[in-house]
Amino acid sequence: MIATTQTNSSGEVMYDINCNTSYIFQVTNPDYDPASSTVEKVKSGRTSVVIELDPIEVIVTETEVILKNIYFEFNKSNITEQGATELDKLVKVMKDYPTMEILVKSHTDSKGTSAYNLNLSNQRAQSTVQYLISKGIAKERLSGKGLGFTEPKIDCKENCTDEQDAQNRRSEFLIVKK
């Protein structure tokens, strides 16, 4: 069962809960990253849960919108849960700037051929653009370009660690028009 409620002015809410039942509390606020906390089975008495929210970290410069990195899994172009959370921040920025146009630049790691990586990065750019469109951003305000491994964040060529490869599989958001 999902219950939705608002907190009081102090950010507090009270719930009656069933003993011996686990609960997951999810907290959202438009200006903050969402967060959640699990409350394990309580035998009796009261329990208190504190969930702190971090302010959304979005930096809008003259040339780009900077989010936490949107990473992709190896050999895939689908939007991950982490990616969706970050892209939702871009949706908010684009709604706050209704004339802003964005170029999504997607990249791959060094594995695979240049042609394969270019195709994969194009798929990642299009997945990102499609996600933004699905959230209400007009397609005329978005474009996407795959760059393969031509502009790595970490230039490690064929000797990349798994972490370096993960950092190179990313999307960036350039402002075409503010």
Protein backbone atom coordinates (compact mmCIF):
# COMPACT_ATOMS: atom_id res chain seq x y z
CA MET A 1 0.00 0.00 0.00
CA ILE A 2 1.26 3.47 -0.84
CA ALA A 3 0.22 6.42 1.27
CA THR A 4 1.01 10.00 0.33
CA THR A 5 0.94 12.86 2.79
CA GLN A 6 2.49 16.24 3.42
CA THR A 7 4.57 17.17 6.42
CA ASN A 8 3.75 19.90 8.89
CA SER A 9 5.66 23.21 8.85
CA SER A 10 8.51 21.57 10.79
CA GLY A 11 8.86 18.81 8.22
CA GLU A 12 7.30 16.17 10.45
CA VAL A 13 4.58 13.63 9.86
CA MET A 14 3.08 10.97 12.13
CA TYR A 15 1.85 7.55 11.02
CA ASP A 16 0.21 4.67 12.82
CA ILE A 17 2.06 1.55 11.78
CA ASN A 18 1.52 -2.16 12.28
CA CYS A 19 3.96 -3.98 14.51
CA ASN A 20 6.14 -6.61 12.86
CA THR A 21 5.83 -4.89 9.48
CA SER A 22 8.67 -3.25 7.55
CA TYR A 23 8.06 0.12 5.88
CA ILE A 24 9.84 2.17 3.26
CA PHE A 25 9.44 5.93 3.53
CA GLN A 26 10.14 7.93 0.37
CA VAL A 27 10.49 11.69 0.65
CA THR A 28 10.35 14.18 -2.21
CA ASN A 29 10.53 17.93 -2.53
CA PRO A 30 10.83 19.70 -5.90
CA ASP A 31 14.02 21.52 -4.90
CA TYR A 32 15.76 18.49 -3.37
CA ASP A 33 17.03 15.07 -4.40
CA PRO A 34 14.53 12.39 -3.39
CA ALA A 35 15.50 10.10 -0.51
CA SER A 36 14.13 7.04 1.23
CA SER A 37 14.59 5.09 4.43
CA THR A 38 13.53 1.64 5.54
CA VAL A 39 12.00 1.07 8.96
CA GLU A 40 12.47 -2.54 9.98
CA LYS A 41 9.84 -4.45 11.91
CA VAL A 42 8.98 -2.69 15.15
CA LYS A 43 7.81 -4.88 18.03
CA SER A 44 6.19 -2.15 20.12
CA GLY A 45 6.48 1.46 21.18
CA ARG A 46 7.43 4.43 19.07
CA THR A 47 10.10 4.84 16.48
CA SER A 48 11.46 7.93 14.86
CA VAL A 49 12.84 8.25 11.34
CA VAL A 50 14.86 11.21 10.14
CA ILE A 51 15.36 11.56 6.41
CA GLU A 52 17.55 14.43 5.31
CA LEU A 53 17.21 15.77 1.78
CA ASP A 54 20.09 17.20 -0.19
CA PRO A 55 19.44 20.28 -2.34
CA ILE A 56 19.35 19.55 -6.05
CA GLU A 57 22.78 20.17 -7.49
CA VAL A 58 22.26 21.67 -10.91
CA ILE A 59 24.59 24.27 -12.29
CA VAL A 60 23.46 26.29 -15.28
CA THR A 61 26.40 28.04 -16.94
CA GLU A 62 26.41 30.03 -20.15
CA THR A 63 27.34 26.91 -22.13
CA GLU A 64 25.95 23.86 -20.34
CA VAL A 65 23.70 22.40 -17.69
CA ILE A 66 25.87 20.44 -15.27
CA LEU A 67 24.29 17.51 -13.48
CA LYS A 68 25.79 14.56 -11.70
CA ASN A 69 27.06 12.24 -14.41
CA ILE A 70 24.49 10.24 -16.32
CA TYR A 71 26.19 6.88 -16.58
CA PHE A 72 25.22 3.99 -18.83
CA GLU A 73 25.79 0.31 -18.28
CA PHE A 74 28.32 -1.44 -20.49
CA ASN A 75 26.98 -2.06 -24.00
CA LYS A 76 23.56 -0.54 -23.20
CA SER A 77 21.66 2.63 -24.05
CA ASN A 78 18.73 2.44 -21.63
CA ILE A 79 18.23 5.10 -18.98
CA THR A 80 19.10 3.79 -15.52
CA GLU A 81 17.20 4.74 -12.36
CA GLN A 82 20.11 7.00 -11.36
CA GLY A 83 20.07 8.53 -14.83
CA ALA A 84 16.32 9.18 -14.64
CA THR A 85 16.74 10.99 -11.32
CA GLU A 86 19.36 13.29 -12.83
CA LEU A 87 17.41 13.82 -16.06
CA ASP A 88 14.38 14.85 -14.02
CA LYS A 89 16.52 17.74 -12.76
CA LEU A 90 17.21 18.76 -16.37
CA VAL A 91 13.46 18.63 -17.03
CA LYS A 92 12.93 21.07 -14.16
CA VAL A 93 15.65 23.41 -15.48
CA MET A 94 14.15 23.34 -18.97
CA LYS A 95 10.71 24.12 -17.56
CA ASP A 96 12.24 27.02 -15.62
CA TYR A 97 13.91 28.24 -18.86
CA PRO A 98 11.15 27.73 -21.44
CA THR A 99 13.26 28.89 -24.40
CA MET A 100 16.33 26.83 -23.53
CA GLU A 101 17.49 24.35 -26.15
CA ILE A 102 19.86 21.50 -25.28
CA LEU A 103 22.28 19.35 -27.26
CA VAL A 104 22.78 15.98 -25.58
CA LYS A 105 26.30 14.68 -26.21
CA SER A 106 26.66 10.99 -25.38
CA HIS A 107 29.91 9.08 -25.07
CA THR A 108 31.16 5.49 -24.76
CA ASP A 109 34.10 3.74 -23.20
CA SER A 110 37.10 2.51 -25.21
CA LYS A 111 35.86 -1.04 -25.72
CA GLY A 112 34.63 -2.00 -29.18
CA THR A 113 35.28 -0.60 -32.61
CA SER A 114 34.95 3.08 -33.45
CA ALA A 115 31.90 2.38 -35.64
CA TYR A 116 30.21 0.31 -32.92
CA ASN A 117 30.89 2.98 -30.27
CA LEU A 118 29.59 5.75 -32.50
CA ASN A 119 26.36 3.81 -33.07
CA LEU A 120 25.99 3.00 -29.36
CA SER A 121 26.58 6.60 -28.32
CA ASN A 122 23.97 7.76 -30.86
CA GLN A 123 21.51 5.30 -29.29
CA ARG A 124 22.36 6.71 -25.84
CA ALA A 125 21.81 10.28 -27.02
CA GLN A 126 18.45 9.32 -28.55
CA SER A 127 17.39 7.43 -25.39
CA THR A 128 18.20 10.53 -23.36
CA VAL A 129 16.29 12.82 -25.73
CA GLN A 130 13.30 10.45 -25.76
CA TYR A 131 13.27 10.38 -21.96
CA LEU A 132 13.18 14.18 -21.82
CA ILE A 133 10.38 14.28 -24.41
CA SER A 134 8.42 11.72 -22.37
CA LYS A 135 8.60 14.16 -19.44
CA GLY A 136 7.00 16.98 -21.44
CA ILE A 137 9.96 18.77 -23.05
CA ALA A 138 9.19 19.70 -26.68
CA LYS A 139 11.31 17.75 -29.15
CA GLU A 140 12.13 20.99 -30.99
CA ARG A 141 14.15 22.05 -27.93
CA LEU A 142 16.33 18.94 -27.96
CA SER A 143 18.95 17.38 -30.16
CA GLY A 144 21.33 14.52 -29.56
CA LYS A 145 24.70 13.50 -30.88
CA GLY A 146 26.77 10.41 -30.22
CA LEU A 147 30.52 10.88 -30.13
CA GLY A 148 31.68 7.35 -29.38
CA PHE A 149 35.09 7.41 -27.70
CA THR A 150 36.27 10.56 -29.54
CA GLU A 151 36.04 12.83 -26.45
CA PRO A 152 36.79 10.67 -23.40
CA LYS A 153 36.52 12.19 -19.96
CA ILE A 154 39.49 10.08 -18.93
CA ASP A 155 41.88 9.43 -21.82
CA CYS A 156 43.05 5.95 -20.95
CA LYS A 157 42.74 4.31 -24.40
CA GLU A 158 42.99 0.50 -24.15
CA ASN A 159 44.23 0.29 -20.55
CA CYS A 160 41.17 1.71 -18.81
CA THR A 161 40.03 0.41 -15.45
CA ASP A 162 36.35 -0.51 -15.01
CA GLU A 163 35.87 2.76 -13.10
CA GLN A 164 37.49 4.83 -15.88
CA ASP A 165 35.35 3.10 -18.50
CA ALA A 166 32.21 3.82 -16.44
CA GLN A 167 33.15 7.53 -16.23
CA ASN A 168 33.60 7.68 -19.99
CA ARG A 169 30.09 6.22 -20.61
CA ARG A 170 28.20 9.44 -20.00
CA SER A 171 25.99 12.19 -21.42
CA GLU A 172 26.59 15.94 -21.28
CA PHE A 173 24.09 18.75 -21.82
CA LEU A 174 25.21 21.73 -23.87
CA ILE A 175 23.06 24.83 -24.05
CA VAL A 176 22.36 25.69 -27.69
CA LYS A 177 20.01 28.55 -26.79
CA LYS A 178 19.19 30.01 -23.41
